[in-house]
Amino acid sequence: MTHPLSLAFLTVAEVGPAEAVHIAATTGYQKIGFRILPAGGEGPFPLMTDDAVLREVTTALNDTGVEVADVEIVRLGEQIDWTLFDCFCDRCARVGSPTCPGRGR
């Protein structure tokens, strides 16, 4: 039995998400991980804020057959921004991530 390989976000963090999909496909990965929400001091990621980038990524995923393995990062605590979380889940679903199932692409 073979196991699919996933290209982690930090491996190609310096390129845009659509380019990362193409890198994954070209180098033999079947899956990819994205970061949509900041993990620390970073600013907003374009996959969360830019509809054109979202369209480019979904096109790249469809064209290459690469699937989304995971999407980062939700911090849970006393102060959760539920509107932001809902938007995060929507973006995850639109790229086909299993992170927030049931929303569809």
N, C-alpha and C. Protein backbone atom coordinates (compact mmCIF):
# COMPACT_ATOMS: atom_id res chain seq x y z
N MET A 1 0.84 -1.17 0.00
CA MET A 1 0.00 0.00 0.00
C MET A 1 0.89 1.24 0.00
N THR A 2 0.57 2.18 -0.84
CA THR A 2 1.31 3.43 -0.87
C THR A 2 0.54 4.51 -0.11
N HIS A 3 1.26 5.43 0.44
CA HIS A 3 0.66 6.52 1.19
C HIS A 3 0.93 7.82 0.43
N PRO A 4 -0.08 8.68 0.32
CA PRO A 4 0.13 9.95 -0.39
C PRO A 4 1.09 10.85 0.37
N LEU A 5 1.88 11.58 -0.38
CA LEU A 5 2.80 12.55 0.21
C LEU A 5 2.18 13.93 0.15
N SER A 6 2.39 14.71 1.21
CA SER A 6 1.85 16.06 1.27
C SER A 6 2.99 17.06 1.42
N LEU A 7 2.97 18.08 0.59
CA LEU A 7 3.94 19.17 0.66
C LEU A 7 3.48 20.14 1.74
N ALA A 8 4.27 20.30 2.79
CA ALA A 8 3.91 21.16 3.92
C ALA A 8 4.06 22.63 3.55
N PHE A 9 3.20 23.45 4.13
CA PHE A 9 3.20 24.89 3.87
C PHE A 9 4.60 25.50 4.04
N LEU A 10 5.27 25.23 5.16
CA LEU A 10 6.55 25.89 5.43
C LEU A 10 7.65 25.49 4.45
N THR A 11 7.49 24.40 3.74
CA THR A 11 8.50 23.97 2.77
C THR A 11 8.61 24.97 1.63
N VAL A 12 7.50 25.55 1.23
CA VAL A 12 7.48 26.50 0.11
C VAL A 12 6.76 27.80 0.49
N ALA A 13 6.92 28.22 1.73
CA ALA A 13 6.20 29.40 2.24
C ALA A 13 6.52 30.68 1.48
N GLU A 14 7.65 30.71 0.81
CA GLU A 14 8.07 31.94 0.11
C GLU A 14 7.38 32.12 -1.25
N VAL A 15 6.65 31.13 -1.72
CA VAL A 15 5.94 31.26 -2.99
C VAL A 15 4.45 31.39 -2.73
N GLY A 16 3.72 31.82 -3.73
CA GLY A 16 2.27 31.92 -3.61
C GLY A 16 1.63 30.55 -3.58
N PRO A 17 0.39 30.48 -3.11
CA PRO A 17 -0.25 29.17 -2.97
C PRO A 17 -0.50 28.44 -4.28
N ALA A 18 -0.82 29.14 -5.36
CA ALA A 18 -1.03 28.46 -6.64
C ALA A 18 0.30 27.89 -7.15
N GLU A 19 1.38 28.65 -6.99
CA GLU A 19 2.69 28.15 -7.40
C GLU A 19 3.08 26.94 -6.55
N ALA A 20 2.73 26.97 -5.27
CA ALA A 20 3.02 25.83 -4.39
C ALA A 20 2.32 24.57 -4.88
N VAL A 21 1.09 24.71 -5.37
CA VAL A 21 0.37 23.57 -5.92
C VAL A 21 1.12 23.00 -7.12
N HIS A 22 1.60 23.86 -7.99
CA HIS A 22 2.34 23.40 -9.17
C HIS A 22 3.66 22.75 -8.77
N ILE A 23 4.32 23.30 -7.76
CA ILE A 23 5.55 22.68 -7.26
C ILE A 23 5.25 21.29 -6.72
N ALA A 24 4.17 21.18 -5.96
CA ALA A 24 3.79 19.86 -5.41
C ALA A 24 3.57 18.86 -6.54
N ALA A 25 2.82 19.27 -7.54
CA ALA A 25 2.52 18.37 -8.66
C ALA A 25 3.79 17.98 -9.41
N THR A 26 4.63 18.95 -9.68
CA THR A 26 5.85 18.72 -10.45
C THR A 26 6.82 17.80 -9.73
N THR A 27 6.84 17.88 -8.40
CA THR A 27 7.82 17.10 -7.63
C THR A 27 7.26 15.79 -7.08
N GLY A 28 6.03 15.44 -7.47
CA GLY A 28 5.49 14.13 -7.13
C GLY A 28 4.63 14.04 -5.89
N TYR A 29 4.28 15.16 -5.30
CA TYR A 29 3.37 15.13 -4.15
C TYR A 29 1.94 14.98 -4.63
N GLN A 30 1.13 14.29 -3.85
CA GLN A 30 -0.28 14.12 -4.17
C GLN A 30 -1.15 15.11 -3.40
N LYS A 31 -0.61 15.67 -2.32
CA LYS A 31 -1.37 16.57 -1.45
C LYS A 31 -0.52 17.78 -1.09
N ILE A 32 -1.21 18.78 -0.50
CA ILE A 32 -0.53 20.00 -0.10
C ILE A 32 -1.19 20.56 1.15
N GLY A 33 -0.40 21.27 1.94
CA GLY A 33 -0.92 21.99 3.10
C GLY A 33 -0.81 23.49 2.88
N PHE A 34 -1.81 24.22 3.34
CA PHE A 34 -1.81 25.68 3.21
C PHE A 34 -1.90 26.31 4.58
N ARG A 35 -1.43 27.54 4.69
CA ARG A 35 -1.71 28.36 5.85
C ARG A 35 -2.62 29.48 5.38
N ILE A 36 -3.74 29.63 6.07
CA ILE A 36 -4.71 30.67 5.71
C ILE A 36 -4.74 31.76 6.78
N LEU A 37 -4.66 31.35 8.04
CA LEU A 37 -4.64 32.32 9.14
C LEU A 37 -3.24 32.40 9.71
N PRO A 38 -2.82 33.58 10.18
CA PRO A 38 -1.49 33.74 10.75
C PRO A 38 -1.27 32.84 11.97
N ALA A 39 -0.05 32.36 12.10
CA ALA A 39 0.32 31.54 13.25
C ALA A 39 0.99 32.39 14.32
N GLY A 40 1.50 33.52 13.93
CA GLY A 40 2.22 34.38 14.86
C GLY A 40 2.13 35.82 14.41
N GLY A 41 3.27 36.39 14.07
CA GLY A 41 3.32 37.80 13.71
C GLY A 41 3.09 38.11 12.24
N GLU A 42 2.75 37.09 11.44
CA GLU A 42 2.52 37.34 10.01
C GLU A 42 1.25 38.16 9.82
N GLY A 43 1.17 38.76 8.65
CA GLY A 43 -0.06 39.45 8.27
C GLY A 43 -1.04 38.46 7.67
N PRO A 44 -2.15 38.95 7.18
CA PRO A 44 -3.15 38.07 6.55
C PRO A 44 -2.56 37.36 5.33
N PHE A 45 -2.97 36.13 5.11
CA PHE A 45 -2.52 35.38 3.96
C PHE A 45 -3.50 35.59 2.81
N PRO A 46 -2.99 35.71 1.58
CA PRO A 46 -3.86 36.03 0.44
C PRO A 46 -4.93 34.98 0.16
N LEU A 47 -4.71 33.75 0.52
CA LEU A 47 -5.72 32.72 0.30
C LEU A 47 -6.97 32.99 1.15
N MET A 48 -6.79 33.72 2.23
CA MET A 48 -7.91 34.08 3.10
C MET A 48 -8.58 35.37 2.66
N THR A 49 -7.83 36.25 2.05
CA THR A 49 -8.33 37.61 1.81
C THR A 49 -8.57 37.97 0.35
N ASP A 50 -8.02 37.21 -0.57
CA ASP A 50 -8.04 37.60 -1.98
C ASP A 50 -8.78 36.55 -2.82
N ASP A 51 -9.95 36.92 -3.34
CA ASP A 51 -10.76 35.98 -4.12
C ASP A 51 -10.05 35.53 -5.40
N ALA A 52 -9.24 36.42 -6.00
CA ALA A 52 -8.51 36.04 -7.21
C ALA A 52 -7.49 34.94 -6.90
N VAL A 53 -6.81 35.04 -5.76
CA VAL A 53 -5.85 34.01 -5.35
C VAL A 53 -6.59 32.70 -5.08
N LEU A 54 -7.74 32.79 -4.45
CA LEU A 54 -8.55 31.59 -4.19
C LEU A 54 -8.92 30.90 -5.50
N ARG A 55 -9.33 31.68 -6.51
CA ARG A 55 -9.67 31.10 -7.82
C ARG A 55 -8.44 30.47 -8.47
N GLU A 56 -7.28 31.13 -8.38
CA GLU A 56 -6.05 30.58 -8.95
C GLU A 56 -5.70 29.24 -8.30
N VAL A 57 -5.88 29.17 -7.00
CA VAL A 57 -5.55 27.93 -6.27
C VAL A 57 -6.51 26.82 -6.64
N THR A 58 -7.80 27.10 -6.67
CA THR A 58 -8.75 26.04 -7.03
C THR A 58 -8.52 25.57 -8.47
N THR A 59 -8.18 26.48 -9.36
CA THR A 59 -7.85 26.09 -10.73
C THR A 59 -6.61 25.21 -10.75
N ALA A 60 -5.57 25.61 -10.02
CA ALA A 60 -4.33 24.81 -9.97
C ALA A 60 -4.60 23.42 -9.40
N LEU A 61 -5.40 23.35 -8.34
CA LEU A 61 -5.74 22.06 -7.76
C LEU A 61 -6.48 21.18 -8.76
N ASN A 62 -7.46 21.76 -9.43
CA ASN A 62 -8.23 21.00 -10.43
C ASN A 62 -7.36 20.57 -11.60
N ASP A 63 -6.48 21.45 -12.06
CA ASP A 63 -5.63 21.14 -13.22
C ASP A 63 -4.58 20.08 -12.92
N THR A 64 -4.07 20.06 -11.68
CA THR A 64 -2.97 19.16 -11.35
C THR A 64 -3.42 17.87 -10.68
N GLY A 65 -4.59 17.88 -10.08
CA GLY A 65 -5.05 16.71 -9.33
C GLY A 65 -4.51 16.65 -7.91
N VAL A 66 -3.71 17.65 -7.52
CA VAL A 66 -3.22 17.72 -6.14
C VAL A 66 -4.42 18.03 -5.24
N GLU A 67 -4.46 17.39 -4.07
CA GLU A 67 -5.54 17.60 -3.12
C GLU A 67 -5.01 18.31 -1.88
N VAL A 68 -5.88 18.97 -1.17
CA VAL A 68 -5.49 19.64 0.07
C VAL A 68 -5.53 18.64 1.21
N ALA A 69 -4.41 18.55 1.93
CA ALA A 69 -4.30 17.64 3.07
C ALA A 69 -4.71 18.34 4.37
N ASP A 70 -4.28 19.59 4.51
CA ASP A 70 -4.56 20.31 5.74
C ASP A 70 -4.45 21.81 5.50
N VAL A 71 -5.10 22.56 6.37
CA VAL A 71 -5.05 24.01 6.32
C VAL A 71 -4.81 24.52 7.73
N GLU A 72 -3.90 25.48 7.86
CA GLU A 72 -3.54 26.04 9.16
C GLU A 72 -4.12 27.44 9.30
N ILE A 73 -4.30 27.96 10.37
CA ILE A 73 -4.11 27.54 11.72
C ILE A 73 -5.21 28.24 12.52
N VAL A 74 -5.91 27.53 13.34
CA VAL A 74 -6.96 28.11 14.18
C VAL A 74 -6.50 28.01 15.62
N ARG A 75 -6.46 29.13 16.27
CA ARG A 75 -6.11 29.16 17.70
C ARG A 75 -7.39 29.24 18.51
N LEU A 76 -7.58 28.29 19.39
CA LEU A 76 -8.76 28.27 20.23
C LEU A 76 -8.40 28.83 21.60
N GLY A 77 -9.26 29.65 22.13
CA GLY A 77 -9.03 30.25 23.43
C GLY A 77 -10.29 30.94 23.90
N GLU A 78 -10.15 31.76 24.92
CA GLU A 78 -11.30 32.46 25.48
C GLU A 78 -11.92 33.44 24.49
N GLN A 79 -11.10 34.07 23.68
CA GLN A 79 -11.57 35.07 22.74
C GLN A 79 -11.49 34.53 21.31
N ILE A 80 -12.53 33.88 20.86
CA ILE A 80 -12.56 33.33 19.50
C ILE A 80 -13.41 34.24 18.63
N ASP A 81 -12.84 34.63 17.50
CA ASP A 81 -13.58 35.45 16.52
C ASP A 81 -14.36 34.47 15.64
N TRP A 82 -15.63 34.26 15.95
CA TRP A 82 -16.43 33.26 15.24
C TRP A 82 -16.71 33.66 13.80
N THR A 83 -16.74 34.95 13.51
CA THR A 83 -16.91 35.39 12.13
C THR A 83 -15.68 35.02 11.30
N LEU A 84 -14.50 35.24 11.87
CA LEU A 84 -13.26 34.87 11.20
C LEU A 84 -13.18 33.35 11.04
N PHE A 85 -13.57 32.61 12.07
CA PHE A 85 -13.56 31.16 12.00
C PHE A 85 -14.49 30.65 10.91
N ASP A 86 -15.67 31.25 10.78
CA ASP A 86 -16.61 30.86 9.73
C ASP A 86 -16.02 31.14 8.35
N CYS A 87 -15.37 32.28 8.20
CA CYS A 87 -14.72 32.62 6.91
C CYS A 87 -13.59 31.62 6.63
N PHE A 88 -12.82 31.28 7.66
CA PHE A 88 -11.75 30.29 7.52
C PHE A 88 -12.32 28.96 7.01
N CYS A 89 -13.41 28.51 7.64
CA CYS A 89 -14.02 27.24 7.22
C CYS A 89 -14.53 27.31 5.79
N ASP A 90 -15.09 28.46 5.41
CA ASP A 90 -15.55 28.63 4.04
C ASP A 90 -14.40 28.53 3.06
N ARG A 91 -13.30 29.19 3.35
CA ARG A 91 -12.12 29.13 2.47
C ARG A 91 -11.57 27.71 2.40
N CYS A 92 -11.51 27.04 3.55
CA CYS A 92 -11.03 25.66 3.57
C CYS A 92 -11.89 24.77 2.67
N ALA A 93 -13.19 24.92 2.79
CA ALA A 93 -14.10 24.11 1.99
C ALA A 93 -13.94 24.42 0.51
N ARG A 94 -13.72 25.67 0.18
CA ARG A 94 -13.63 26.05 -1.24
C ARG A 94 -12.38 25.51 -1.91
N VAL A 95 -11.35 25.17 -1.13
CA VAL A 95 -10.18 24.52 -1.73
C VAL A 95 -10.20 23.00 -1.54
N GLY A 96 -11.32 22.50 -0.98
CA GLY A 96 -11.47 21.06 -0.84
C GLY A 96 -10.77 20.47 0.36
N SER A 97 -10.52 21.27 1.37
CA SER A 97 -9.84 20.78 2.56
C SER A 97 -10.78 19.96 3.44
N PRO A 98 -10.25 18.91 4.05
CA PRO A 98 -11.05 18.15 5.01
C PRO A 98 -11.17 18.87 6.35
N THR A 99 -10.55 20.04 6.49
CA THR A 99 -10.54 20.78 7.75
C THR A 99 -11.95 21.13 8.23
N CYS A 100 -12.78 21.60 7.34
CA CYS A 100 -14.17 21.97 7.68
C CYS A 100 -15.08 21.25 6.70
N PRO A 101 -15.32 19.96 6.90
CA PRO A 101 -16.11 19.19 5.94
C PRO A 101 -17.57 19.65 5.89
N GLY A 102 -18.20 19.30 4.80
CA GLY A 102 -19.62 19.57 4.67
C GLY A 102 -19.97 20.87 4.00
N ARG A 103 -18.97 21.65 3.62
CA ARG A 103 -19.26 22.93 2.97
C ARG A 103 -19.09 22.86 1.46
N GLY A 104 -18.33 21.90 0.98
CA GLY A 104 -18.18 21.70 -0.47
C GLY A 104 -17.39 22.77 -1.17
N ARG A 105 -16.89 22.45 -2.36
CA ARG A 105 -16.12 23.39 -3.17
C ARG A 105 -17.04 24.16 -4.06
